Every structure is written in structure tokens, then in C-alpha cells.
C-alpha atoms as a PDB file:
ATOM      1  CA  MET A   1       0.415   0.063   0.382  1.00  0.00           C
ATOM      2  CA  GLN A   2       1.099   3.566  -1.220  1.00  0.00           C
ATOM      3  CA  GLU A   3       1.283   6.577   1.302  1.00  0.00           C
ATOM      4  CA  GLN A   4       2.768   9.549   1.799  1.00  0.00           C
ATOM      5  CA  ASP A   5       4.248   8.522   5.561  1.00  0.00           C
ATOM      6  CA  ASN A   6       1.653   5.989   5.990  1.00  0.00           C
ATOM      7  CA  PHE A   7       2.987   2.583   5.114  1.00  0.00           C
ATOM      8  CA  GLU A   8       1.587  -0.950   4.182  1.00  0.00           C
ATOM      9  CA  THR A   9       1.850  -4.551   5.410  1.00  0.00           C
ATOM     10  CA  LEU A  10       1.892  -8.013   3.342  1.00  0.00           C
ATOM     11  CA  GLU A  11       0.516 -11.043   4.448  1.00  0.00           C
ATOM     12  CA  ALA A  12       2.156 -14.832   2.718  1.00  0.00           C
ATOM     13  CA  ALA A  13      -1.609 -15.757   0.177  1.00  0.00           C
ATOM     14  CA  GLY A  14      -0.826 -17.984  -2.874  1.00  0.00           C
ATOM     15  CA  THR A  15      -0.892 -21.848  -3.023  1.00  0.00           C
ATOM     16  CA  VAL A  16       1.035 -24.579  -2.938  1.00  0.00           C
ATOM     17  CA  GLU A  17       1.007 -25.515  -6.417  1.00  0.00           C
ATOM     18  CA  GLU A  18       2.564 -21.272  -6.625  1.00  0.00           C
ATOM     19  CA  ALA A  19       5.067 -22.256  -4.604  1.00  0.00           C
ATOM     20  CA  ALA A  20       6.991 -25.456  -5.999  1.00  0.00           C
ATOM     21  CA  GLU A  21       6.899 -24.111 -10.080  1.00  0.00           C
ATOM     22  CA  ALA A  22       8.367 -20.868  -8.265  1.00  0.00           C
ATOM     23  CA  ILE A  23      11.482 -22.823  -6.499  1.00  0.00           C
ATOM     24  CA  GLU A  24      11.543 -25.426  -9.850  1.00  0.00           C
ATOM     25  CA  GLU A  25      11.662 -21.647 -11.714  1.00  0.00           C
ATOM     26  CA  GLU A  26      14.046 -19.854  -9.409  1.00  0.00           C
ATOM     27  CA  ALA A  27      17.229 -19.864 -11.543  1.00  0.00           C
ATOM     28  CA  VAL A  28      15.157 -18.908 -14.848  1.00  0.00           C
ATOM     29  CA  VAL A  29      13.771 -15.813 -12.336  1.00  0.00           C
ATOM     30  CA  SER A  30      16.929 -14.644 -11.220  1.00  0.00           C
ATOM     31  CA  ASP A  31      18.776 -14.533 -14.747  1.00  0.00           C
ATOM     32  CA  THR A  32      15.468 -13.179 -16.419  1.00  0.00           C
ATOM     33  CA  GLY A  33      14.563 -10.695 -13.589  1.00  0.00           C
ATOM     34  CA  GLU A  34      18.834  -9.616 -14.024  1.00  0.00           C
ATOM     35  CA  GLU A  35      18.512  -8.916 -18.010  1.00  0.00           C
ATOM     36  CA  LEU A  36      15.296  -7.368 -17.487  1.00  0.00           C
ATOM     37  CA  ALA A  37      16.712  -4.803 -14.638  1.00  0.00           C
ATOM     38  CA  ARG A  38      20.178  -4.678 -17.264  1.00  0.00           C
ATOM     39  CA  GLU A  39      17.360  -3.276 -19.930  1.00  0.00           C
ATOM     40  CA  PHE A  40      15.378  -0.998 -17.195  1.00  0.00           C
ATOM     41  CA  ARG A  41      18.291   0.603 -16.431  1.00  0.00           C
ATOM     42  CA  ALA A  42      19.392   1.142 -20.371  1.00  0.00           C
ATOM     43  CA  GLU A  43      16.220   2.724 -21.004  1.00  0.00           C
ATOM     44  CA  ALA A  44      15.776   4.301 -18.077  1.00  0.00           C
ATOM     45  CA  ASP A  45      19.027   5.896 -18.556  1.00  0.00           C
ATOM     46  CA  GLU A  46      17.899   7.156 -22.037  1.00  0.00           C
ATOM     47  CA  GLY A  47      15.088   8.594 -21.118  1.00  0.00           C
ATOM     48  CA  ASP A  48      12.877   6.253 -22.516  1.00  0.00           C
ATOM     49  CA  VAL A  49      11.122   5.148 -19.299  1.00  0.00           C
ATOM     50  CA  ASP A  50       7.653   4.652 -20.953  1.00  0.00           C
ATOM     51  CA  ALA A  51       9.410   2.290 -23.241  1.00  0.00           C
ATOM     52  CA  ALA A  52      10.654  -0.065 -20.280  1.00  0.00           C
ATOM     53  CA  GLU A  53       7.474   0.035 -18.722  1.00  0.00           C
ATOM     54  CA  SER A  54       5.284  -0.755 -21.306  1.00  0.00           C
ATOM     55  CA  ARG A  55       7.041  -4.300 -22.010  1.00  0.00           C
ATOM     56  CA  PRO A  56       5.633  -7.387 -22.435  1.00  0.00           C
ATOM     57  CA  LYS A  57       4.190  -9.069 -19.629  1.00  0.00           C
ATOM     58  CA  VAL A  58       6.243 -11.016 -17.191  1.00  0.00           C
ATOM     59  CA  LYS A  59       5.375 -14.270 -15.196  1.00  0.00           C
ATOM     60  CA  LYS A  60       4.194 -12.858 -11.939  1.00  0.00           C
ATOM     61  CA  LEU A  61       6.168 -14.639  -9.136  1.00  0.00           C
ATOM     62  CA  PHE A  62       4.129 -14.733  -5.901  1.00  0.00           C
ATOM     63  CA  THR A  63       1.363 -13.244  -4.693  1.00  0.00           C
ATOM     64  CA  LEU A  64       0.681 -11.256  -0.789  1.00  0.00           C
ATOM     65  CA  ASN A  65      -2.123 -10.662   0.861  1.00  0.00           C
ATOM     66  CA  PHE A  66      -2.050  -9.627   3.962  1.00  0.00           C
ATOM     67  CA  ALA A  67      -3.717  -6.613   7.178  1.00  0.00           C
ATOM     68  CA  LEU A  68      -1.450  -4.368   8.298  1.00  0.00           C
ATOM     69  CA  PRO A  69      -1.677  -5.056  12.051  1.00  0.00           C
ATOM     70  CA  LEU A  70      -1.727  -1.541  14.437  1.00  0.00           C
ATOM     71  CA  GLU A  71       1.616  -2.993  15.998  1.00  0.00           C
ATOM     72  CA  ASP A  72       3.945  -2.891  13.085  1.00  0.00           C
ATOM     73  CA  TYR A  73       2.313   0.322  11.644  1.00  0.00           C
ATOM     74  CA  LEU A  74       4.105   1.623  15.227  1.00  0.00           C
ATOM     75  CA  ASP A  75       7.378   0.210  14.607  1.00  0.00           C
ATOM     76  CA  PHE A  76       7.163   1.420  10.966  1.00  0.00           C
ATOM     77  CA  TYR A  77       7.370   4.762  12.910  1.00  0.00           C
ATOM     78  CA  ARG A  78       9.750   4.365  15.394  1.00  0.00           C
ATOM     79  CA  ILE A  79      11.644   3.391  12.565  1.00  0.00           C
ATOM     80  CA  MET A  80      10.821   6.088  10.024  1.00  0.00           C
ATOM     81  CA  ASN A  81      11.155   8.760  13.483  1.00  0.00           C
ATOM     82  CA  ALA A  82      14.344   7.740  14.270  1.00  0.00           C
ATOM     83  CA  ALA A  83      17.039   9.602  13.023  1.00  0.00           C
ATOM     84  CA  ASN A  84      14.677  12.841  13.865  1.00  0.00           C
ATOM     85  CA  VAL A  85      14.252  11.177  17.086  1.00  0.00           C
ATOM     86  CA  LYS A  86      18.374  11.136  17.867  1.00  0.00           C
ATOM     87  CA  LYS A  87      18.679  14.610  16.840  1.00  0.00           C
ATOM     88  CA  SER A  88      15.718  16.124  19.234  1.00  0.00           C
ATOM     89  CA  LYS A  89      16.159  14.742  21.919  1.00  0.00           C
ATOM     90  CA  LYS A  90      19.536  15.505  21.802  1.00  0.00           C
ATOM     91  CA  LYS A  91      18.411  19.491  21.473  1.00  0.00           C
ATOM     92  CA  MET A  92      16.267  18.585  24.536  1.00  0.00           C
ATOM     93  CA  THR A  93      19.023  17.075  26.580  1.00  0.00           C
ATOM     94  CA  ILE A  94      21.171  20.317  25.960  1.00  0.00           C
ATOM     95  CA  MET A  95      17.382  22.631  26.771  1.00  0.00           C
ATOM     96  CA  GLY A  96      16.636  20.776  29.476  1.00  0.00           C
ATOM     97  CA  ALA A  97      20.047  21.107  31.140  1.00  0.00           C
ATOM     98  CA  VAL A  98      20.293  24.570  30.274  1.00  0.00           C
ATOM     99  CA  GLU A  99      16.899  25.660  32.351  1.00  0.00           C
ATOM    100  CA  ILE A 100      17.772  23.559  35.342  1.00  0.00           C
ATOM    101  CA  VAL A 101      21.023  25.326  35.491  1.00  0.00           C
ATOM    102  CA  VAL A 102      19.187  28.813  35.192  1.00  0.00           C
ATOM    103  CA  GLY A 103      16.590  27.168  38.496  1.00  0.00           C
ATOM    104  CA  LEU A 104      19.907  26.500  40.210  1.00  0.00           C
ATOM    105  CA  LEU A 105      21.095  29.891  39.525  1.00  0.00           C
ATOM    106  CA  LEU A 106      18.076  31.253  41.120  1.00  0.00           C
ATOM    107  CA  VAL A 107      17.507  29.480  43.595  1.00  0.00           C
ATOM    108  CA  LEU A 108      20.866  30.092  44.879  1.00  0.00           C
ATOM    109  CA  SER A 109      20.361  33.752  44.153  1.00  0.00           C
ATOM    110  CA  VAL A 110      17.156  33.855  46.602  1.00  0.00           C
ATOM    111  CA  ALA A 111      19.196  32.222  48.924  1.00  0.00           C
ATOM    112  CA  MET A 112      22.560  34.349  48.980  1.00  0.00           C
ATOM    113  CA  GLY A 113      19.791  37.516  49.284  1.00  0.00           C
ATOM    114  CA  TYR A 114      20.402  38.631  45.552  1.00  0.00           C
ATOM    115  CA  SER A 115      16.615  38.362  44.867  1.00  0.00           C
ATOM    116  CA  LYS A 116      14.183  39.015  46.607  1.00  0.00           C
ATOM    117  CA  ALA A 117      11.776  36.024  47.167  1.00  0.00           C
ATOM    118  CA  THR A 118       8.103  36.598  45.612  1.00  0.00           C
ATOM    119  CA  PRO A 119       5.465  33.567  45.726  1.00  0.00           C
ATOM    120  CA  LEU A 120       5.491  35.164  42.237  1.00  0.00           C
ATOM    121  CA  SER A 121       8.737  33.926  41.724  1.00  0.00           C
ATOM    122  CA  TRP A 122       8.452  30.210  43.350  1.00  0.00           C
ATOM    123  CA  VAL A 123       6.118  29.916  40.619  1.00  0.00           C
ATOM    124  CA  LEU A 124       8.200  30.864  37.606  1.00  0.00           C
ATOM    125  CA  LEU A 125      11.953  28.295  39.193  1.00  0.00           C
ATOM    126  CA  ALA A 126       8.969  25.536  39.642  1.00  0.00           C
ATOM    127  CA  ILE A 127       8.444  26.153  36.057  1.00  0.00           C
ATOM    128  CA  ILE A 128      11.492  26.689  35.165  1.00  0.00           C
ATOM    129  CA  PHE A 129      12.477  23.340  36.955  1.00  0.00           C
ATOM    130  CA  LEU A 130       9.170  21.043  35.578  1.00  0.00           C
ATOM    131  CA  LEU A 131      10.136  22.313  32.553  1.00  0.00           C
ATOM    132  CA  GLY A 132      14.055  21.552  32.652  1.00  0.00           C
ATOM    133  CA  PHE A 133      13.255  18.124  34.298  1.00  0.00           C
ATOM    134  CA  ARG A 134      10.721  17.453  31.041  1.00  0.00           C
ATOM    135  CA  SER A 135      13.269  18.149  28.794  1.00  0.00           C
ATOM    136  CA  LEU A 136      15.477  15.898  30.206  1.00  0.00           C
ATOM    137  CA  PHE A 137      13.669  12.869  31.161  1.00  0.00           C
ATOM    138  CA  TYR A 138      10.553  13.926  27.763  1.00  0.00           C
ATOM    139  CA  TYR A 139      11.943  10.516  25.633  1.00  0.00           C
ATOM    140  CA  ARG A 140      12.799   8.229  28.180  1.00  0.00           C
ATOM    141  CA  PHE A 141       9.196   8.541  30.343  1.00  0.00           C
ATOM    142  CA  PHE A 142       6.633  10.229  27.914  1.00  0.00           C
ATOM    143  CA  TYR A 143       7.712   9.823  24.033  1.00  0.00           C
ATOM    144  CA  GLU A 144       6.801   6.299  23.530  1.00  0.00           C
ATOM    145  CA  ARG A 145       3.164   7.283  25.576  1.00  0.00           C
ATOM    146  CA  ALA A 146       3.111   9.924  22.967  1.00  0.00           C
ATOM    147  CA  LEU A 147       3.637   8.217  20.109  1.00  0.00           C
ATOM    148  CA  SER A 148       1.509   5.090  20.222  1.00  0.00           C
ATOM    149  CA  LYS A 149      -1.704   7.038  21.549  1.00  0.00           C
ATOM    150  CA  ALA A 150      -1.276   9.483  18.117  1.00  0.00           C
ATOM    151  CA  VAL A 151      -0.081   6.528  16.353  1.00  0.00           C
ATOM    152  CA  ASN A 152      -3.193   4.281  17.641  1.00  0.00           C
ATOM    153  CA  ARG A 153      -5.616   7.901  16.944  1.00  0.00           C
ATOM    154  CA  GLU A 154      -4.501   8.324  12.762  1.00  0.00           C
ATOM    155  CA  TYR A 155      -4.657   3.957  12.538  1.00  0.00           C
ATOM    156  CA  GLN A 156      -8.405   3.666  13.763  1.00  0.00           C
ATOM    157  CA  LYS A 157      -8.931   7.089  12.065  1.00  0.00           C
ATOM    158  CA  ASN A 158      -8.010   5.674   8.240  1.00  0.00           C
ATOM    159  CA  ALA A 159     -10.455   3.159   7.119  1.00  0.00           C
ATOM    160  CA  TYR A 160      -6.881   3.213   4.520  1.00  0.00           C
ATOM    161  CA  LEU A 161      -4.420   1.466   7.006  1.00  0.00           C
ATOM    162  CA  ARG A 162      -6.732  -1.763   7.817  1.00  0.00           C
ATOM    163  CA  GLU A 163      -7.738  -2.815   4.517  1.00  0.00           C
ATOM    164  CA  LYS A 164      -6.866  -6.047   3.538  1.00  0.00           C
ATOM    165  CA  MET A 165      -4.380  -5.596  -0.056  1.00  0.00           C
ATOM    166  CA  LEU A 166      -2.559  -8.495  -2.543  1.00  0.00           C
ATOM    167  CA  ILE A 167       0.667  -7.739  -3.728  1.00  0.00           C
ATOM    168  CA  ASP A 168       1.359  -9.510  -6.841  1.00  0.00           C
ATOM    169  CA  PHE A 169       5.529  -9.931  -7.086  1.00  0.00           C
ATOM    170  CA  TYR A 170       6.980  -9.198 -10.199  1.00  0.00           C
ATOM    171  CA  PRO A 171      10.324  -9.644 -11.787  1.00  0.00           C
ATOM    172  CA  ASN A 172      10.345  -6.321 -13.168  1.00  0.00           C
ATOM    173  CA  LYS A 173       7.351  -4.676 -11.265  1.00  0.00           C
ATOM    174  CA  CYS A 174       4.477  -5.481  -8.279  1.00  0.00           C
ATOM    175  CA  VAL A 175       1.301  -4.342  -8.998  1.00  0.00           C
ATOM    176  CA  GLU A 176      -0.632  -3.536  -5.765  1.00  0.00           C
ATOM    177  CA  HIS A 177      -4.894  -4.124  -5.448  1.00  0.00           C
ATOM    178  CA  ILE A 178      -6.168  -2.652  -2.571  1.00  0.00           C
ATOM    179  CA  GLN A 179     -10.370  -0.248  -2.615  1.00  0.00           C
ATOM    180  CA  ASN A 180     -10.912  -1.653  -5.766  1.00  0.00           C
ATOM    181  CA  LYS A 181      -7.200   0.798  -7.529  1.00  0.00           C
ATOM    182  CA  THR A 182      -4.375  -0.850  -8.693  1.00  0.00           C
ATOM    183  CA  VAL A 183      -1.142   0.384  -8.704  1.00  0.00           C
ATOM    184  CA  GLU A 184       2.367  -0.735 -10.937  1.00  0.00           C
ATOM    185  CA  THR A 185       5.622   0.285  -9.432  1.00  0.00           C
ATOM    186  CA  TYR A 186       8.341  -0.892 -11.561  1.00  0.00           C
ATOM    187  CA  TRP A 187      11.634  -1.670  -9.442  1.00  0.00           C
ATOM    188  CA  HIS A 188      14.045   0.876 -11.489  1.00  0.00           C
ATOM    189  CA  THR A 189      12.099   3.347 -10.053  1.00  0.00           C
ATOM    190  CA  ILE A 190      12.510   2.400  -5.989  1.00  0.00           C
ATOM    191  CA  ASP A 191      14.462   4.589  -4.081  1.00  0.00           C
ATOM    192  CA  SER A 192      15.672   1.310  -1.670  1.00  0.00           C
ATOM    193  CA  VAL A 193      14.723  -1.490   0.688  1.00  0.00           C
ATOM    194  CA  LYS A 194      15.360  -1.150   4.417  1.00  0.00           C
ATOM    195  CA  GLU A 195      14.557  -4.371   6.709  1.00  0.00           C
ATOM    196  CA  SER A 196      14.295  -4.537  10.507  1.00  0.00           C
ATOM    197  CA  GLU A 197      14.111  -7.445  12.781  1.00  0.00           C
ATOM    198  CA  GLY A 198       9.612  -6.925  12.126  1.00  0.00           C
ATOM    199  CA  LEU A 199       9.861  -5.182   8.477  1.00  0.00           C
ATOM    200  CA  PHE A 200      10.482  -5.515   4.813  1.00  0.00           C
ATOM    201  CA  LEU A 201      10.667  -1.983   3.853  1.00  0.00           C
ATOM    202  CA  ILE A 202      10.348  -0.725   0.148  1.00  0.00           C
ATOM    203  CA  MET A 203      11.561   3.287   0.051  1.00  0.00           C
ATOM    204  CA  LEU A 204       9.736   4.428  -3.311  1.00  0.00           C
ATOM    205  CA  GLU A 205      11.098   7.861  -2.285  1.00  0.00           C
ATOM    206  CA  PRO A 206      12.938   8.739   1.177  1.00  0.00           C
ATOM    207  CA  ARG A 207       9.522   9.771   3.003  1.00  0.00           C
ATOM    208  CA  ARG A 208       7.536   7.520   0.897  1.00  0.00           C
ATOM    209  CA  CYS A 209       6.884   2.574   0.889  1.00  0.00           C
ATOM    210  CA  LEU A 210       5.944   0.020   1.123  1.00  0.00           C
ATOM    211  CA  LEU A 211       5.585  -1.735   4.131  1.00  0.00           C
ATOM    212  CA  VAL A 212       6.046  -6.188   4.372  1.00  0.00           C
ATOM    213  CA  PRO A 213       5.304  -7.222   8.471  1.00  0.00           C
ATOM    214  CA  LYS A 214       7.531 -10.146   8.427  1.00  0.00           C
ATOM    215  CA  SER A 215       4.832 -11.299  11.065  1.00  0.00           C
ATOM    216  CA  GLN A 216       2.014 -11.267   8.400  1.00  0.00           C
ATOM    217  CA  ILE A 217       4.069 -13.222   5.549  1.00  0.00           C
ATOM    218  CA  GLU A 218       5.842 -16.298   7.701  1.00  0.00           C
ATOM    219  CA  PRO A 219       5.391 -18.616   5.153  1.00  0.00           C
ATOM    220  CA  GLN A 220       6.800 -16.817   2.438  1.00  0.00           C
ATOM    221  CA  ILE A 221       9.900 -14.852   4.790  1.00  0.00           C
ATOM    222  CA  ASP A 222      12.620 -16.425   3.101  1.00  0.00           C
ATOM    223  CA  ALA A 223      11.071 -16.207  -0.399  1.00  0.00           C
ATOM    224  CA  VAL A 224      10.572 -12.700  -0.486  1.00  0.00           C
ATOM    225  CA  GLU A 225      14.165 -12.093   2.007  1.00  0.00           C
ATOM    226  CA  LYS A 226      15.959 -13.556  -1.038  1.00  0.00           C
ATOM    227  CA  PHE A 227      13.867 -11.993  -4.311  1.00  0.00           C
ATOM    228  CA  LEU A 228      13.969  -8.940  -3.059  1.00  0.00           C
ATOM    229  CA  ALA A 229      18.015  -9.036  -2.649  1.00  0.00           C
ATOM    230  CA  GLU A 230      18.534  -9.996  -6.309  1.00  0.00           C
ATOM    231  CA  MET A 231      16.050  -7.306  -7.113  1.00  0.00           C
ATOM    232  CA  CYS A 232      18.571  -4.613  -5.327  1.00  0.00           C
ATOM    233  CA  GLU A 233      21.303  -6.911  -6.893  1.00  0.00           C
ATOM    234  CA  ASN A 234      19.552  -6.775 -10.699  1.00  0.00           C
ATOM    235  CA  TYR A 235      18.988  -3.310  -9.804  1.00  0.00           C
ATOM    236  CA  GLU A 236      21.228  -1.811  -8.441  1.00  0.00           C
ATOM    237  CA  LYS A 237      19.080  -0.601  -5.580  1.00  0.00           C
ATOM    238  CA  PRO A 238      20.894  -0.291  -1.959  1.00  0.00           C
ATOM    239  CA  ARG A 239      19.712  -2.056   1.052  1.00  0.00           C
ATOM    240  CA  TYR A 240      19.969  -1.440   4.820  1.00  0.00           C
ATOM    241  CA  GLN A 241      19.577  -3.154   8.428  1.00  0.00           C
ATOM    242  CA  VAL A 242      17.674  -0.726  10.509  1.00  0.00           C
END
């Protein structure tokens, strides 16, 4: 399922006969994929993308059928926001330390008689310390709860995220079927592939991807992993562990 900053999952479908047929034709598929990749890259380099995408249809390799679980959607957000969280955590730690130091200096100033203690000054000091401790400990104690609440609200509000979807994989593309819509994505157009302990993320763009939860495709995890590795090699796409 494709959407900006909202991505979807895949559950294994396909019959035993299809799996057996795919295994028997594995060598042929690999060679075909590599040959198609070379041709697509050459045509894309020449600017003839339409010609590349209008080639005769190739045989489907396998199909994934799934719904996106909330926990996998939450994991996706953790992965996609990891870099921003790291930067923000550092910034908030510095800010919190500064606020605490300022508060301590004000307390010291009052204790030494440089400043007059008033109810208002104690209220301001309490606010400064509260903000400082919140900045220091936000990501340790509050961030995960806030993220879970926000993601759950979005997941429940957006029926699209809970829809069953079906994705067909071919040597040169994948085809998504969801809500009576069909979307084709050619492998030479994607940005990269990422993989975590529980997810495959086919990055269509830096912030837009196809999300494949491994929990939903257990019978086909090995096949998907092998296909993505070969596809990345054939189409010269980067592949990351996250």
C-alpha cells in the first residue's frame, strides 16, 4: 500500500502449487530478472522510461495478501522517525540542562539575598524546573506513550490502513490491489530497500514506501528476502538493515 508517511503491510498468500512452480523456475527467474534489470536501467538512462514500462508482461512470481496490524504500523513509525528522534533528543537534553542550571542559579540568587523571594518568583522557579526535567526525561518516560496514542488514533481513523490488500510480485515490478484500485511500481524507480527485525520496507521515495510486516508473511519470508536481495543487486538499489 502506498501513501505519504502512511505505509502498509503484506501477508502471505499463494498456493502450494505456485510455490513449487516458483522453486522449479528459480534459476530462470533470477536470470530473467537480471536481464530485465539491465534493459530497464539502459532505457531509463536514455530517458525512455515509457518504453521500459510498456514491455510485454512477464510471469508473476508470487502474491502476498495481508492486513496491517497496529503494532507493525507503530514499529514503522519508530523506524522512520529514528533519525529525527535522535536529533531531537540531543537538543532537548541540552535545553533541559540549561533550564535546570538557570533554575539553580535563581535559587542560589534568592538564597544569597541577591533576589527577593516572592510567590511569583517561586512559581516561575517551579515552572523552570518542571520544563527542565520534562526536556531531560521526555524521551525516556513520555515519548513512547505519546507516539502510541497518536499512531493508534490515526490507525483507527483511517480505514485505508486496516484494509486487506494484495500485492503481486514480478521480476520487473509489483502490482498493488486495494480498495478496487491497482497501482504498479517498477523496480527501477524505487529508492532503496530497508529491513528490520520485523519489517521489510520497500522505499519508493525517502518518505514513502511499501510496508511488509514479517509477522504476516511467515510462510514466505525467505522467498521475499531472497527476491528483494536479488532485485536490489539486479537494479543496483541500496539495501539497509535498520
